[in-house]
Amino acid sequence: MAIPLAPVAAVALRYGAVALVAYAASRRIHKAAIRQDSEDALDAVPEGLGAARPRDRSQVNAEARWRRIIRLGAAGPGLEIDASALGRVKFRRV
């Protein structure tokens, strides 16, 4: 019995395109340095979402933190997820 190549070729082409995009993106991303002051700032972010707009500056600051522990079973192995983000948007007339 013959294998229909058209569906297999379409799937192979799709996965090949995804692999090519992932390879190109990995080549363009530079290696970032780990700065301790940035690590400390991210550790100080409270859990949840927050935003502020200082009146003396034309900018908006935002912060977010999500911390969860995922455990397999009652006493099984666990994984702690800690995602923190800081953001700033500045507005300036030029």
C-alpha atoms as a PDB file:
ATOM      1  CA  MET A   1       0.000   0.000   0.000  1.00  0.00           C
ATOM      2  CA  ALA A   2       1.395   3.371  -1.002  1.00  0.00           C
ATOM      3  CA  ILE A   3       1.889   6.135   1.548  1.00  0.00           C
ATOM      4  CA  PRO A   4       0.257   9.420   0.494  1.00  0.00           C
ATOM      5  CA  LEU A   5       3.123  11.922   0.421  1.00  0.00           C
ATOM      6  CA  ALA A   6       1.098  15.122   0.146  1.00  0.00           C
ATOM      7  CA  PRO A   7      -0.044  15.209   3.824  1.00  0.00           C
ATOM      8  CA  VAL A   8       3.386  14.095   5.044  1.00  0.00           C
ATOM      9  CA  ALA A   9       5.105  16.734   2.919  1.00  0.00           C
ATOM     10  CA  ALA A  10       2.808  19.471   4.250  1.00  0.00           C
ATOM     11  CA  VAL A  11       3.561  18.526   7.860  1.00  0.00           C
ATOM     12  CA  ALA A  12       7.296  18.303   7.144  1.00  0.00           C
ATOM     13  CA  LEU A  13       7.234  21.704   5.456  1.00  0.00           C
ATOM     14  CA  ARG A  14       5.385  23.253   8.402  1.00  0.00           C
ATOM     15  CA  TYR A  15       7.825  21.823  10.987  1.00  0.00           C
ATOM     16  CA  GLY A  16      10.762  22.830   8.815  1.00  0.00           C
ATOM     17  CA  ALA A  17       9.498  26.400   8.647  1.00  0.00           C
ATOM     18  CA  VAL A  18       9.080  26.522  12.441  1.00  0.00           C
ATOM     19  CA  ALA A  19      12.588  25.133  12.913  1.00  0.00           C
ATOM     20  CA  LEU A  20      14.020  27.718  10.486  1.00  0.00           C
ATOM     21  CA  VAL A  21      12.307  30.603  12.296  1.00  0.00           C
ATOM     22  CA  ALA A  22      13.518  29.296  15.684  1.00  0.00           C
ATOM     23  CA  TYR A  23      17.083  28.963  14.358  1.00  0.00           C
ATOM     24  CA  ALA A  24      17.053  32.475  12.871  1.00  0.00           C
ATOM     25  CA  ALA A  25      15.678  33.957  16.108  1.00  0.00           C
ATOM     26  CA  SER A  26      18.298  32.170  18.207  1.00  0.00           C
ATOM     27  CA  ARG A  27      21.076  33.590  16.022  1.00  0.00           C
ATOM     28  CA  ARG A  28      19.810  37.176  16.409  1.00  0.00           C
ATOM     29  CA  ILE A  29      19.384  37.149  20.205  1.00  0.00           C
ATOM     30  CA  HIS A  30      22.499  38.336  22.010  1.00  0.00           C
ATOM     31  CA  LYS A  31      23.691  36.973  25.326  1.00  0.00           C
ATOM     32  CA  ALA A  32      22.555  39.305  28.106  1.00  0.00           C
ATOM     33  CA  ALA A  33      24.562  39.940  31.240  1.00  0.00           C
ATOM     34  CA  ILE A  34      23.061  39.144  34.638  1.00  0.00           C
ATOM     35  CA  ARG A  35      23.108  42.248  36.817  1.00  0.00           C
ATOM     36  CA  GLN A  36      22.601  41.868  40.537  1.00  0.00           C
ATOM     37  CA  ASP A  37      20.782  45.198  40.911  1.00  0.00           C
ATOM     38  CA  SER A  38      18.218  44.051  38.342  1.00  0.00           C
ATOM     39  CA  GLU A  39      17.817  40.717  40.147  1.00  0.00           C
ATOM     40  CA  ASP A  40      17.229  42.544  43.439  1.00  0.00           C
ATOM     41  CA  ALA A  41      14.644  44.844  41.825  1.00  0.00           C
ATOM     42  CA  LEU A  42      12.725  41.871  40.403  1.00  0.00           C
ATOM     43  CA  ASP A  43      12.831  40.096  43.782  1.00  0.00           C
ATOM     44  CA  ALA A  44      11.321  43.190  45.450  1.00  0.00           C
ATOM     45  CA  VAL A  45       8.245  43.271  43.173  1.00  0.00           C
ATOM     46  CA  PRO A  46       5.083  42.318  45.118  1.00  0.00           C
ATOM     47  CA  GLU A  47       2.812  39.607  43.767  1.00  0.00           C
ATOM     48  CA  GLY A  48       0.032  40.822  41.477  1.00  0.00           C
ATOM     49  CA  LEU A  49      -0.228  43.724  39.037  1.00  0.00           C
ATOM     50  CA  GLY A  50       0.581  47.336  39.733  1.00  0.00           C
ATOM     51  CA  ALA A  51       0.875  50.560  37.774  1.00  0.00           C
ATOM     52  CA  ALA A  52       1.820  54.119  38.673  1.00  0.00           C
ATOM     53  CA  ARG A  53       1.977  57.432  36.863  1.00  0.00           C
ATOM     54  CA  PRO A  54       4.192  59.932  38.678  1.00  0.00           C
ATOM     55  CA  ARG A  55       2.875  63.481  38.340  1.00  0.00           C
ATOM     56  CA  ASP A  56       6.333  65.025  38.042  1.00  0.00           C
ATOM     57  CA  ARG A  57       7.296  62.877  35.013  1.00  0.00           C
ATOM     58  CA  SER A  58       5.604  61.970  31.768  1.00  0.00           C
ATOM     59  CA  GLN A  59       5.894  58.228  32.135  1.00  0.00           C
ATOM     60  CA  VAL A  60       3.906  55.215  33.263  1.00  0.00           C
ATOM     61  CA  ASN A  61       5.513  52.473  35.354  1.00  0.00           C
ATOM     62  CA  ALA A  62       4.098  48.961  35.657  1.00  0.00           C
ATOM     63  CA  GLU A  63       5.079  45.875  37.600  1.00  0.00           C
ATOM     64  CA  ALA A  64       3.797  42.318  37.758  1.00  0.00           C
ATOM     65  CA  ARG A  65       4.702  39.154  39.614  1.00  0.00           C
ATOM     66  CA  TRP A  66       3.253  35.663  39.495  1.00  0.00           C
ATOM     67  CA  ARG A  67       4.522  32.999  41.891  1.00  0.00           C
ATOM     68  CA  ARG A  68       3.175  29.457  42.008  1.00  0.00           C
ATOM     69  CA  ILE A  69       4.338  26.051  43.174  1.00  0.00           C
ATOM     70  CA  ILE A  70       3.186  23.132  41.079  1.00  0.00           C
ATOM     71  CA  ARG A  71       3.468  19.766  42.837  1.00  0.00           C
ATOM     72  CA  LEU A  72       2.878  16.315  41.365  1.00  0.00           C
ATOM     73  CA  GLY A  73       0.926  14.442  44.041  1.00  0.00           C
ATOM     74  CA  ALA A  74       0.541  15.340  47.721  1.00  0.00           C
ATOM     75  CA  ALA A  75       4.211  14.846  48.599  1.00  0.00           C
ATOM     76  CA  GLY A  76       5.672  14.484  45.134  1.00  0.00           C
ATOM     77  CA  PRO A  77       8.310  16.580  43.432  1.00  0.00           C
ATOM     78  CA  GLY A  78       7.447  20.210  42.852  1.00  0.00           C
ATOM     79  CA  LEU A  79       8.367  23.086  40.591  1.00  0.00           C
ATOM     80  CA  GLU A  80       8.316  26.718  41.685  1.00  0.00           C
ATOM     81  CA  ILE A  81       7.497  29.275  39.007  1.00  0.00           C
ATOM     82  CA  ASP A  82       8.387  32.901  39.710  1.00  0.00           C
ATOM     83  CA  ALA A  83       7.701  35.296  36.837  1.00  0.00           C
ATOM     84  CA  SER A  84       8.406  38.993  37.445  1.00  0.00           C
ATOM     85  CA  ALA A  85       8.315  41.926  35.066  1.00  0.00           C
ATOM     86  CA  LEU A  86       8.996  45.631  35.268  1.00  0.00           C
ATOM     87  CA  GLY A  87       8.001  48.046  32.541  1.00  0.00           C
ATOM     88  CA  ARG A  88       8.226  51.714  31.769  1.00  0.00           C
ATOM     89  CA  VAL A  89       6.713  53.769  28.979  1.00  0.00           C
ATOM     90  CA  LYS A  90       7.958  57.337  28.587  1.00  0.00           C
ATOM     91  CA  PHE A  91       6.179  60.041  26.614  1.00  0.00           C
ATOM     92  CA  ARG A  92       8.153  62.997  25.315  1.00  0.00           C
ATOM     93  CA  ARG A  93       7.334  65.671  22.772  1.00  0.00           C
ATOM     94  CA  VAL A  94      10.017  66.126  20.155  1.00  0.00           C
END
